[in-house]
Amino acid sequence: MGLDTWQKWAGSDAAAIIARFDAYLQERPQAGERLIPFPKEVRNGIEWARLHLERFTVDL
């Protein structure tokens, strides 16, 4: 999906991340599972990434 570092999470918004999940799953269907996270889960992930970005930065 392309969200492989905390920098990418911190630089995104919830709607964009959910759209990426949706597009990914449209291409690779998974039967019977809810794989798209709820907006609150994504917002919490973004918030966590922004708070801890300095500690978990990956040099690309």
N, C-alpha and C. Protein backbone atom coordinates (compact mmCIF):
# COMPACT_ATOMS: atom_id res chain seq x y z
N MET A 1 0.81 -1.19 0.00
CA MET A 1 0.00 0.00 0.00
C MET A 1 0.85 1.26 0.00
N GLY A 2 2.10 1.14 0.32
CA GLY A 2 2.97 2.30 0.29
C GLY A 2 3.11 3.02 1.62
N LEU A 3 2.47 2.55 2.66
CA LEU A 3 2.58 3.19 3.99
C LEU A 3 3.52 2.37 4.86
N ASP A 4 4.77 2.32 4.44
CA ASP A 4 5.72 1.44 5.10
C ASP A 4 6.62 2.12 6.13
N THR A 5 6.42 3.41 6.38
CA THR A 5 7.17 4.09 7.44
C THR A 5 6.22 4.99 8.23
N TRP A 6 6.64 5.34 9.44
CA TRP A 6 5.81 6.23 10.27
C TRP A 6 5.78 7.62 9.68
N GLN A 7 6.81 8.02 8.93
CA GLN A 7 6.79 9.33 8.28
C GLN A 7 5.62 9.42 7.31
N LYS A 8 5.38 8.36 6.57
CA LYS A 8 4.28 8.36 5.60
C LYS A 8 2.93 8.42 6.31
N TRP A 9 2.80 7.73 7.43
CA TRP A 9 1.56 7.82 8.21
C TRP A 9 1.38 9.23 8.75
N ALA A 10 2.43 9.79 9.30
CA ALA A 10 2.34 11.12 9.90
C ALA A 10 2.02 12.19 8.86
N GLY A 11 2.41 11.97 7.62
CA GLY A 11 2.17 12.95 6.58
C GLY A 11 0.87 12.75 5.82
N SER A 12 0.06 11.81 6.24
CA SER A 12 -1.20 11.51 5.55
C SER A 12 -2.38 11.95 6.38
N ASP A 13 -3.56 11.89 5.76
CA ASP A 13 -4.79 12.10 6.53
C ASP A 13 -5.62 10.83 6.48
N ALA A 14 -6.58 10.73 7.38
CA ALA A 14 -7.35 9.50 7.54
C ALA A 14 -8.07 9.11 6.26
N ALA A 15 -8.68 10.06 5.58
CA ALA A 15 -9.43 9.74 4.36
C ALA A 15 -8.52 9.15 3.29
N ALA A 16 -7.32 9.69 3.14
CA ALA A 16 -6.39 9.18 2.14
C ALA A 16 -5.94 7.76 2.47
N ILE A 17 -5.68 7.49 3.74
CA ILE A 17 -5.25 6.15 4.14
C ILE A 17 -6.36 5.14 3.93
N ILE A 18 -7.58 5.50 4.31
CA ILE A 18 -8.72 4.59 4.11
C ILE A 18 -8.93 4.33 2.63
N ALA A 19 -8.78 5.35 1.80
CA ALA A 19 -8.90 5.17 0.35
C ALA A 19 -7.84 4.21 -0.18
N ARG A 20 -6.64 4.28 0.37
CA ARG A 20 -5.57 3.35 -0.03
C ARG A 20 -5.93 1.91 0.35
N PHE A 21 -6.43 1.74 1.57
CA PHE A 21 -6.87 0.40 2.00
C PHE A 21 -7.94 -0.12 1.04
N ASP A 22 -8.92 0.72 0.73
CA ASP A 22 -10.03 0.32 -0.12
C ASP A 22 -9.53 -0.07 -1.51
N ALA A 23 -8.67 0.76 -2.10
CA ALA A 23 -8.13 0.46 -3.44
C ALA A 23 -7.33 -0.85 -3.42
N TYR A 24 -6.54 -1.03 -2.40
CA TYR A 24 -5.73 -2.25 -2.28
C TYR A 24 -6.63 -3.48 -2.22
N LEU A 25 -7.69 -3.39 -1.42
CA LEU A 25 -8.57 -4.55 -1.26
C LEU A 25 -9.46 -4.77 -2.48
N GLN A 26 -9.72 -3.74 -3.26
CA GLN A 26 -10.45 -3.93 -4.51
C GLN A 26 -9.62 -4.78 -5.47
N GLU A 27 -8.32 -4.58 -5.44
CA GLU A 27 -7.41 -5.34 -6.31
C GLU A 27 -7.15 -6.74 -5.78
N ARG A 28 -7.18 -6.91 -4.46
CA ARG A 28 -6.87 -8.19 -3.81
C ARG A 28 -7.95 -8.53 -2.79
N PRO A 29 -9.10 -9.01 -3.24
CA PRO A 29 -10.21 -9.27 -2.32
C PRO A 29 -9.87 -10.32 -1.25
N GLN A 30 -10.37 -10.09 -0.07
CA GLN A 30 -10.21 -11.02 1.04
C GLN A 30 -11.61 -11.40 1.51
N ALA A 31 -11.97 -12.64 1.43
CA ALA A 31 -13.32 -13.08 1.74
C ALA A 31 -13.62 -13.02 3.24
N GLY A 32 -14.73 -12.42 3.57
CA GLY A 32 -15.29 -12.50 4.91
C GLY A 32 -14.58 -11.74 6.02
N GLU A 33 -13.69 -10.86 5.72
CA GLU A 33 -12.98 -10.15 6.77
C GLU A 33 -13.11 -8.65 6.59
N ARG A 34 -13.22 -7.92 7.70
CA ARG A 34 -13.22 -6.46 7.66
C ARG A 34 -11.78 -6.02 7.77
N LEU A 35 -11.22 -5.64 6.67
CA LEU A 35 -9.80 -5.28 6.66
C LEU A 35 -9.57 -3.78 6.57
N ILE A 36 -10.60 -3.02 6.22
CA ILE A 36 -10.45 -1.57 6.19
C ILE A 36 -10.66 -1.07 7.60
N PRO A 37 -9.69 -0.35 8.15
CA PRO A 37 -9.83 0.13 9.53
C PRO A 37 -10.89 1.21 9.64
N PHE A 38 -11.43 1.36 10.83
CA PHE A 38 -12.38 2.42 11.11
C PHE A 38 -11.63 3.76 11.11
N PRO A 39 -12.31 4.85 10.76
CA PRO A 39 -11.64 6.16 10.74
C PRO A 39 -10.94 6.50 12.06
N LYS A 40 -11.55 6.17 13.19
CA LYS A 40 -10.91 6.47 14.48
C LYS A 40 -9.60 5.71 14.64
N GLU A 41 -9.56 4.46 14.18
CA GLU A 41 -8.31 3.69 14.24
C GLU A 41 -7.21 4.35 13.41
N VAL A 42 -7.58 4.83 12.24
CA VAL A 42 -6.59 5.49 11.37
C VAL A 42 -6.13 6.80 12.00
N ARG A 43 -7.08 7.59 12.50
CA ARG A 43 -6.70 8.86 13.15
C ARG A 43 -5.78 8.61 14.34
N ASN A 44 -6.05 7.56 15.12
CA ASN A 44 -5.17 7.23 16.24
C ASN A 44 -3.78 6.84 15.75
N GLY A 45 -3.70 6.10 14.65
CA GLY A 45 -2.40 5.73 14.09
C GLY A 45 -1.62 6.94 13.61
N ILE A 46 -2.31 7.87 12.97
CA ILE A 46 -1.66 9.10 12.50
C ILE A 46 -1.17 9.91 13.69
N GLU A 47 -2.02 10.05 14.69
CA GLU A 47 -1.64 10.81 15.90
C GLU A 47 -0.41 10.18 16.57
N TRP A 48 -0.42 8.85 16.70
CA TRP A 48 0.72 8.16 17.31
C TRP A 48 1.98 8.41 16.49
N ALA A 49 1.87 8.30 15.17
CA ALA A 49 3.03 8.51 14.30
C ALA A 49 3.59 9.92 14.47
N ARG A 50 2.71 10.90 14.53
CA ARG A 50 3.17 12.28 14.68
C ARG A 50 3.83 12.52 16.03
N LEU A 51 3.28 11.91 17.08
CA LEU A 51 3.85 12.09 18.42
C LEU A 51 5.22 11.41 18.57
N HIS A 52 5.41 10.30 17.88
CA HIS A 52 6.63 9.50 18.04
C HIS A 52 7.54 9.53 16.82
N LEU A 53 7.29 10.45 15.92
CA LEU A 53 8.03 10.48 14.67
C LEU A 53 9.53 10.62 14.87
N GLU A 54 9.92 11.45 15.79
CA GLU A 54 11.36 11.67 16.03
C GLU A 54 12.06 10.37 16.44
N ARG A 55 11.37 9.59 17.25
CA ARG A 55 11.97 8.36 17.76
C ARG A 55 12.02 7.24 16.72
N PHE A 56 11.02 7.19 15.84
CA PHE A 56 10.88 6.08 14.89
C PHE A 56 11.12 6.48 13.45
N THR A 57 11.85 7.55 13.21
CA THR A 57 12.14 7.98 11.86
C THR A 57 13.04 6.99 11.16
N VAL A 58 12.72 6.71 9.90
CA VAL A 58 13.50 5.80 9.09
C VAL A 58 14.18 6.63 8.00
N ASP A 59 15.49 6.49 7.87
CA ASP A 59 16.21 7.18 6.82
C ASP A 59 16.00 6.44 5.51
N LEU A 60 15.47 7.16 4.53
CA LEU A 60 15.19 6.54 3.24
C LEU A 60 16.28 6.85 2.25
